[in-house]
Amino acid sequence: MGRMFFQILGSIAEFEHALMSERTHDGLAAARTRGRTGGQKPKLAPRQAKIAQQMYEETGPDGRLMYTVEQIAAEFGVTCPTIYRHLATLPAQ
């Protein structure tokens, strides 16, 4: 008798999990149709990313780069990998 009770509880739990999963997928699909995407917003706006790229490509009179990635990151208050990630997505000027 006890074994059958646990099998019934397991079946109910499995059914509830399937319902939650279905509702989640439906909610994500509805959000996509409204133009929403998941994940965090970019740390830099497109304008900031262009400025970061210009700073990265700027050279001094001796031909060396004027700003390091660390300096650019400190200027925008982000980490170095964030700067590299944004530089990789922008087209070269």
C-alpha atoms as a PDB file:
ATOM      1  CA  MET A   1       0.000   0.000   0.000  1.00  0.00           C
ATOM      2  CA  GLY A   2       2.818   2.429   0.901  1.00  0.00           C
ATOM      3  CA  ARG A   3       4.663   1.756  -2.342  1.00  0.00           C
ATOM      4  CA  MET A   4       1.608   2.592  -4.429  1.00  0.00           C
ATOM      5  CA  PHE A   5       1.160   5.844  -2.487  1.00  0.00           C
ATOM      6  CA  PHE A   6       4.709   6.965  -3.343  1.00  0.00           C
ATOM      7  CA  GLN A   7       4.223   6.019  -6.991  1.00  0.00           C
ATOM      8  CA  ILE A   8       1.118   8.203  -7.133  1.00  0.00           C
ATOM      9  CA  LEU A   9       2.981  11.090  -5.471  1.00  0.00           C
ATOM     10  CA  GLY A  10       5.828  10.654  -7.951  1.00  0.00           C
ATOM     11  CA  SER A  11       3.413  10.747 -10.869  1.00  0.00           C
ATOM     12  CA  ILE A  12       1.772  13.922  -9.559  1.00  0.00           C
ATOM     13  CA  ALA A  13       5.178  15.567  -9.071  1.00  0.00           C
ATOM     14  CA  GLU A  14       6.247  14.600 -12.593  1.00  0.00           C
ATOM     15  CA  PHE A  15       3.001  16.003 -14.022  1.00  0.00           C
ATOM     16  CA  GLU A  16       3.436  19.289 -12.110  1.00  0.00           C
ATOM     17  CA  HIS A  17       7.024  19.573 -13.386  1.00  0.00           C
ATOM     18  CA  ALA A  18       5.811  19.127 -16.961  1.00  0.00           C
ATOM     19  CA  LEU A  19       3.193  21.862 -16.432  1.00  0.00           C
ATOM     20  CA  MET A  20       5.773  24.290 -15.021  1.00  0.00           C
ATOM     21  CA  SER A  21       8.133  23.576 -17.901  1.00  0.00           C
ATOM     22  CA  GLU A  22       5.373  24.145 -20.459  1.00  0.00           C
ATOM     23  CA  ARG A  23       4.364  27.453 -18.829  1.00  0.00           C
ATOM     24  CA  THR A  24       7.986  28.601 -18.806  1.00  0.00           C
ATOM     25  CA  HIS A  25       8.427  27.833 -22.509  1.00  0.00           C
ATOM     26  CA  ASP A  26       5.144  29.589 -23.319  1.00  0.00           C
ATOM     27  CA  GLY A  27       6.209  32.660 -21.336  1.00  0.00           C
ATOM     28  CA  LEU A  28       9.593  32.822 -23.075  1.00  0.00           C
ATOM     29  CA  ALA A  29       7.943  32.487 -26.489  1.00  0.00           C
ATOM     30  CA  ALA A  30       5.493  35.280 -25.652  1.00  0.00           C
ATOM     31  CA  ALA A  31       8.362  37.507 -24.488  1.00  0.00           C
ATOM     32  CA  ARG A  32      10.268  36.871 -27.722  1.00  0.00           C
ATOM     33  CA  THR A  33       7.241  37.894 -29.792  1.00  0.00           C
ATOM     34  CA  ARG A  34       7.153  41.159 -27.809  1.00  0.00           C
ATOM     35  CA  GLY A  35      10.806  41.726 -28.722  1.00  0.00           C
ATOM     36  CA  ARG A  36      12.293  40.892 -25.343  1.00  0.00           C
ATOM     37  CA  THR A  37      15.479  38.876 -25.070  1.00  0.00           C
ATOM     38  CA  GLY A  38      17.063  37.270 -22.061  1.00  0.00           C
ATOM     39  CA  GLY A  39      20.275  38.129 -20.327  1.00  0.00           C
ATOM     40  CA  GLN A  40      21.787  41.306 -18.991  1.00  0.00           C
ATOM     41  CA  LYS A  41      21.868  44.585 -20.827  1.00  0.00           C
ATOM     42  CA  PRO A  42      25.235  45.476 -22.399  1.00  0.00           C
ATOM     43  CA  LYS A  43      27.545  47.320 -20.011  1.00  0.00           C
ATOM     44  CA  LEU A  44      28.450  49.883 -22.670  1.00  0.00           C
ATOM     45  CA  ALA A  45      26.018  51.724 -24.908  1.00  0.00           C
ATOM     46  CA  PRO A  46      26.827  51.693 -28.643  1.00  0.00           C
ATOM     47  CA  ARG A  47      28.134  55.256 -28.401  1.00  0.00           C
ATOM     48  CA  GLN A  48      30.413  54.342 -25.489  1.00  0.00           C
ATOM     49  CA  ALA A  49      31.687  51.298 -27.369  1.00  0.00           C
ATOM     50  CA  LYS A  50      32.618  53.495 -30.347  1.00  0.00           C
ATOM     51  CA  ILE A  51      34.447  55.915 -28.059  1.00  0.00           C
ATOM     52  CA  ALA A  52      36.280  52.986 -26.447  1.00  0.00           C
ATOM     53  CA  GLN A  53      37.298  51.753 -29.897  1.00  0.00           C
ATOM     54  CA  GLN A  54      38.556  55.220 -30.865  1.00  0.00           C
ATOM     55  CA  MET A  55      40.562  55.405 -27.644  1.00  0.00           C
ATOM     56  CA  TYR A  56      41.966  51.934 -28.292  1.00  0.00           C
ATOM     57  CA  GLU A  57      43.071  52.845 -31.832  1.00  0.00           C
ATOM     58  CA  GLU A  58      44.447  56.302 -30.944  1.00  0.00           C
ATOM     59  CA  THR A  59      48.216  56.557 -31.292  1.00  0.00           C
ATOM     60  CA  GLY A  60      50.655  59.135 -30.025  1.00  0.00           C
ATOM     61  CA  PRO A  61      53.349  60.961 -32.006  1.00  0.00           C
ATOM     62  CA  ASP A  62      55.747  58.064 -31.420  1.00  0.00           C
ATOM     63  CA  GLY A  63      53.323  55.578 -33.037  1.00  0.00           C
ATOM     64  CA  ARG A  64      52.513  53.776 -29.786  1.00  0.00           C
ATOM     65  CA  LEU A  65      49.002  53.369 -28.437  1.00  0.00           C
ATOM     66  CA  MET A  66      47.994  56.224 -26.145  1.00  0.00           C
ATOM     67  CA  TYR A  67      45.623  54.234 -23.920  1.00  0.00           C
ATOM     68  CA  THR A  68      45.876  50.742 -22.511  1.00  0.00           C
ATOM     69  CA  VAL A  69      42.818  48.543 -22.189  1.00  0.00           C
ATOM     70  CA  GLU A  70      43.105  48.942 -18.419  1.00  0.00           C
ATOM     71  CA  GLN A  71      42.897  52.726 -18.744  1.00  0.00           C
ATOM     72  CA  ILE A  72      39.900  52.513 -21.087  1.00  0.00           C
ATOM     73  CA  ALA A  73      38.149  50.086 -18.747  1.00  0.00           C
ATOM     74  CA  ALA A  74      38.780  52.389 -15.776  1.00  0.00           C
ATOM     75  CA  GLU A  75      37.403  55.345 -17.739  1.00  0.00           C
ATOM     76  CA  PHE A  76      34.089  53.550 -18.358  1.00  0.00           C
ATOM     77  CA  GLY A  77      33.965  51.734 -15.009  1.00  0.00           C
ATOM     78  CA  VAL A  78      34.001  48.224 -16.497  1.00  0.00           C
ATOM     79  CA  THR A  79      36.462  45.325 -16.601  1.00  0.00           C
ATOM     80  CA  CYS A  80      39.058  44.645 -19.290  1.00  0.00           C
ATOM     81  CA  PRO A  81      37.204  41.599 -20.700  1.00  0.00           C
ATOM     82  CA  THR A  82      34.156  43.834 -21.215  1.00  0.00           C
ATOM     83  CA  ILE A  83      36.244  46.225 -23.323  1.00  0.00           C
ATOM     84  CA  TYR A  84      37.715  43.361 -25.352  1.00  0.00           C
ATOM     85  CA  ARG A  85      34.231  41.886 -25.892  1.00  0.00           C
ATOM     86  CA  HIS A  86      32.857  45.214 -27.169  1.00  0.00           C
ATOM     87  CA  LEU A  87      35.917  45.803 -29.365  1.00  0.00           C
ATOM     88  CA  ALA A  88      35.460  42.400 -30.972  1.00  0.00           C
ATOM     89  CA  THR A  89      31.842  43.121 -31.917  1.00  0.00           C
ATOM     90  CA  LEU A  90      32.482  46.526 -33.517  1.00  0.00           C
ATOM     91  CA  PRO A  91      33.572  46.828 -37.155  1.00  0.00           C
ATOM     92  CA  ALA A  92      37.118  48.114 -37.608  1.00  0.00           C
ATOM     93  CA  GLN A  93      37.396  51.744 -38.614  1.00  0.00           C
END
